[in-house]
Protein backbone atom coordinates (compact mmCIF):
# COMPACT_ATOMS: atom_id res chain seq x y z
CA MET A 1 18.00 -32.44 -12.66
CA ILE A 2 15.12 -30.88 -14.59
CA THR A 3 13.34 -33.37 -16.81
CA GLY A 4 11.67 -32.66 -20.12
CA PHE A 5 8.27 -33.68 -18.82
CA ALA A 6 8.61 -31.32 -15.85
CA VAL A 7 9.32 -28.45 -18.23
CA LEU A 8 6.34 -29.38 -20.39
CA LEU A 9 4.12 -29.35 -17.31
CA TRP A 10 5.38 -25.87 -16.47
CA VAL A 11 4.72 -24.75 -20.05
CA TYR A 12 1.17 -26.10 -19.83
CA LEU A 13 0.45 -24.39 -16.51
CA LEU A 14 1.78 -21.08 -17.84
CA ALA A 15 -0.14 -21.28 -21.12
CA ALA A 16 -3.30 -22.26 -19.26
CA ILE A 17 -3.45 -18.88 -17.46
CA PRO A 18 -6.70 -17.36 -18.83
CA PHE A 19 -5.58 -13.76 -19.24
CA GLY A 20 -8.71 -12.67 -21.10
CA PHE A 21 -10.92 -14.02 -18.35
CA LEU A 22 -8.79 -12.40 -15.64
CA ILE A 23 -8.59 -9.03 -17.39
CA VAL A 24 -12.36 -8.78 -17.89
CA ARG A 25 -13.02 -9.93 -14.33
CA ALA A 26 -10.58 -7.34 -12.96
CA SER A 27 -11.67 -4.45 -15.18
CA ARG A 28 -15.43 -5.01 -15.35
CA GLY A 29 -16.26 -7.60 -12.73
CA ARG A 30 -17.85 -9.80 -15.39
CA ASP A 31 -17.40 -13.41 -16.48
CA LEU A 32 -16.19 -13.32 -20.08
CA ARG A 33 -17.52 -16.81 -20.67
CA GLY A 34 -21.06 -15.40 -20.45
CA GLU A 35 -20.50 -12.54 -22.89
CA GLY A 36 -20.22 -12.31 -26.66
CA SER A 37 -19.08 -15.60 -28.11
CA GLY A 38 -18.18 -16.90 -24.65
CA ASN A 39 -14.59 -17.39 -25.74
CA ILE A 40 -11.75 -16.24 -23.47
CA GLY A 41 -9.52 -15.01 -26.30
CA ALA A 42 -8.55 -11.51 -27.38
CA THR A 43 -11.19 -11.16 -30.10
CA ASN A 44 -14.04 -11.65 -27.66
CA VAL A 45 -12.36 -9.40 -25.08
CA PHE A 46 -11.99 -6.71 -27.73
CA ARG A 47 -15.64 -6.95 -28.75
CA THR A 48 -17.10 -7.08 -25.26
CA SER A 49 -14.70 -5.00 -23.19
CA GLY A 50 -12.79 -2.60 -25.43
CA LYS A 51 -9.55 -2.10 -27.30
CA LEU A 52 -7.24 -1.73 -24.32
CA GLN A 53 -8.37 -4.98 -22.73
CA GLY A 54 -8.32 -6.75 -26.09
CA VAL A 55 -4.78 -5.67 -26.91
CA ALA A 56 -3.60 -6.58 -23.41
CA THR A 57 -5.13 -10.05 -23.78
CA LEU A 58 -3.55 -10.52 -27.20
CA LEU A 59 -0.09 -9.57 -25.99
CA LEU A 60 -0.30 -11.64 -22.82
CA ASP A 61 -1.64 -14.71 -24.62
CA ALA A 62 1.10 -14.49 -27.25
CA GLY A 63 3.67 -13.74 -24.58
CA LYS A 64 2.86 -16.77 -22.44
CA GLY A 65 3.31 -19.01 -25.48
CA ALA A 66 6.65 -17.44 -26.38
CA LEU A 67 7.89 -17.47 -22.79
CA GLY A 68 7.04 -21.11 -22.26
CA VAL A 69 8.79 -22.27 -25.42
CA ALA A 70 11.79 -20.00 -24.80
CA LEU A 71 12.15 -21.56 -21.37
CA ALA A 72 11.97 -25.06 -22.83
CA ARG A 73 14.64 -24.16 -25.38
CA ALA A 74 16.89 -22.64 -22.73
CA LEU A 75 16.59 -25.65 -20.43
CA LEU A 76 16.33 -28.52 -22.89
CA GLY A 77 16.87 -27.41 -26.47
CA GLU A 78 20.59 -27.93 -26.61
CA ASP A 79 20.18 -31.53 -25.51
CA ASP A 80 17.19 -32.39 -27.70
CA PRO A 81 15.32 -29.83 -29.88
CA ARG A 82 12.32 -32.16 -29.97
CA TRP A 83 11.40 -30.84 -26.53
CA VAL A 84 11.06 -27.34 -27.98
CA ALA A 85 8.67 -28.60 -30.65
CA ALA A 86 6.69 -30.45 -27.99
CA ALA A 87 6.59 -27.34 -25.81
CA ALA A 88 5.06 -25.30 -28.64
CA PHE A 89 2.19 -27.79 -28.96
CA VAL A 90 1.74 -27.99 -25.19
CA ALA A 91 1.46 -24.19 -25.04
CA VAL A 92 -1.42 -24.25 -27.54
CA LEU A 93 -2.99 -27.15 -25.66
CA GLY A 94 -2.76 -25.25 -22.38
CA HIS A 95 -4.59 -22.22 -23.77
CA CYS A 96 -7.30 -24.34 -25.37
CA TYR A 97 -7.83 -26.58 -22.34
CA PRO A 98 -6.84 -24.63 -19.20
CA VAL A 99 -7.02 -26.53 -15.93
CA TYR A 100 -7.93 -23.29 -14.15
CA LEU A 101 -11.25 -23.00 -16.03
CA GLY A 102 -12.32 -26.62 -16.08
CA PHE A 103 -10.43 -27.27 -19.35
CA LYS A 104 -12.66 -24.84 -21.29
CA GLY A 105 -10.45 -22.24 -22.93
CA GLY A 106 -9.69 -20.34 -26.10
CA LYS A 107 -8.88 -21.33 -29.65
CA GLY A 108 -5.10 -21.16 -29.56
CA ILE A 109 -4.28 -18.56 -32.20
CA ALA A 110 -2.48 -15.85 -30.21
CA THR A 111 -0.74 -18.34 -27.94
CA GLY A 112 0.26 -20.44 -30.95
CA CYS A 113 1.73 -17.37 -32.67
CA GLY A 114 3.93 -16.69 -29.69
CA ALA A 115 4.86 -20.32 -29.19
CA TYR A 116 5.88 -21.05 -32.78
CA PHE A 117 7.59 -17.72 -33.31
CA VAL A 118 10.39 -18.94 -31.03
CA PRO A 119 11.45 -22.03 -33.05
CA ALA A 120 10.14 -20.88 -36.45
CA PRO A 121 10.22 -17.08 -36.74
CA LEU A 122 10.15 -16.82 -40.54
CA PRO A 123 7.25 -19.25 -41.12
CA MET A 124 5.31 -17.56 -38.34
CA ALA A 125 6.00 -14.09 -39.71
CA ILE A 126 4.59 -15.19 -43.07
CA CYS A 127 1.56 -16.69 -41.30
CA LEU A 128 0.94 -13.36 -39.59
CA GLY A 129 1.06 -11.70 -43.01
CA ILE A 130 -1.48 -14.21 -44.33
CA PHE A 131 -3.71 -13.58 -41.32
CA THR A 132 -3.52 -9.80 -41.70
CA ALA A 133 -4.21 -9.82 -45.43
CA THR A 134 -7.11 -12.24 -45.07
CA VAL A 135 -8.76 -10.23 -42.29
CA LEU A 136 -8.34 -6.99 -44.24
CA ILE A 137 -10.03 -8.57 -47.25
CA THR A 138 -12.76 -10.61 -45.55
CA ARG A 139 -13.18 -8.66 -42.27
CA ILE A 140 -13.57 -12.05 -40.57
CA VAL A 141 -10.98 -12.96 -37.95
CA SER A 142 -11.74 -16.69 -37.94
CA ILE A 143 -11.05 -17.06 -41.67
CA GLY A 144 -7.67 -15.38 -41.24
CA SER A 145 -6.91 -17.56 -38.24
CA ILE A 146 -7.78 -20.79 -40.03
CA LEU A 147 -5.88 -19.96 -43.23
CA ALA A 148 -2.80 -18.83 -41.32
CA GLY A 149 -2.95 -21.97 -39.22
CA LEU A 150 -3.17 -24.23 -42.25
CA ALA A 151 -0.20 -22.42 -43.79
CA LEU A 152 2.10 -22.98 -40.79
CA PRO A 153 3.04 -26.66 -41.29
CA LEU A 154 3.44 -26.07 -45.03
CA LEU A 155 5.78 -23.17 -44.41
CA VAL A 156 7.73 -25.14 -41.80
CA TRP A 157 8.11 -28.00 -44.29
CA TRP A 158 9.28 -25.59 -46.99
CA LEU A 159 11.47 -23.14 -45.08
CA GLN A 160 12.57 -24.96 -41.94
CA PRO A 161 12.24 -28.69 -42.49
CA ASP A 162 12.42 -30.41 -39.14
CA ARG A 163 10.45 -33.57 -38.43
CA ALA A 164 9.61 -32.79 -34.81
CA LEU A 165 8.62 -29.19 -35.54
CA LEU A 166 6.50 -30.27 -38.51
CA ILE A 167 4.64 -32.84 -36.41
CA SER A 168 4.15 -30.28 -33.65
CA ALA A 169 2.82 -27.64 -36.06
CA GLY A 170 0.52 -30.15 -37.72
CA ALA A 171 -0.87 -31.27 -34.36
CA SER A 172 -1.44 -27.68 -33.27
CA VAL A 173 -3.23 -26.83 -36.50
CA GLY A 174 -5.46 -29.86 -36.04
CA LEU A 175 -6.31 -28.65 -32.54
CA VAL A 176 -6.98 -25.11 -33.78
CA ILE A 177 -9.29 -26.38 -36.52
CA LEU A 178 -11.12 -28.51 -33.95
CA ARG A 179 -11.59 -25.46 -31.75
CA HIS A 180 -12.91 -23.49 -34.73
CA ARG A 181 -15.55 -25.99 -35.77
CA SER A 182 -18.40 -23.67 -34.73
CA ASN A 183 -16.78 -20.88 -36.76
CA LEU A 184 -16.54 -23.19 -39.75
CA ARG A 185 -20.25 -23.94 -39.51
CA ARG A 186 -21.05 -20.23 -39.41
CA ILE A 187 -18.69 -19.52 -42.31
CA ALA A 188 -20.39 -22.23 -44.37
CA GLY A 189 -23.79 -20.78 -43.46
CA GLY A 190 -22.76 -17.20 -44.17
CA THR A 191 -23.42 -16.08 -40.60
CA GLU A 192 -19.90 -15.63 -39.23
CA ALA A 193 -19.49 -12.14 -37.74
CA ALA A 194 -17.15 -9.56 -39.26
CA ILE A 195 -14.76 -7.67 -37.00
CA SER A 196 -17.22 -4.76 -36.72
CA GLY A 197 -19.88 -7.07 -35.22
CA GLY A 198 -20.27 -9.54 -32.36
CA GLY A 199 -19.86 -13.30 -32.10
CA GLY A 200 -17.30 -15.85 -33.33
CA SER A 201 -14.12 -15.16 -31.43
CA SER A 202 -10.95 -16.73 -32.80
CA THR A 203 -8.22 -16.50 -30.22
């Protein structure tokens, strides 16, 4: 019998796969952690290695989050939907603290989008709209990421009230904000890079 904790471990190990790091290593033979912002997410891949690699990283990071949560729902959701909410948080945790890279990973945005789209598609779709509009206006990815993240638990509470999902979304947003603390300092100081420049990756 498959236990909930076994599934969560699988979700973590899947989400911890550092696709950005692997793509840059395979395509350019470089260590992404020593380039640009040093982040392993899609924004830094895009800035340091090009559009194709950046898009591939974005899709794979979002996909691993969605796949992990979909698996948890298929195996455990009918018995207890709280496991699905837990899996969404674990997916974000895995990307931010991957065991494969000494627990030094990304900032959880793309993986979180994929993870929470499975149990909360409408709130997440609105969050993506908030992210897109914010980035178009400010040209700063991290501001869009932070605002969209803050909106997620509010939208879950409003549109899809579920205690476990709300706690999960709130915990994930807290983790994302923690991972963006350097971005917040740069935003406050007026030095955060726009999407046409280098620095400050947000995924």
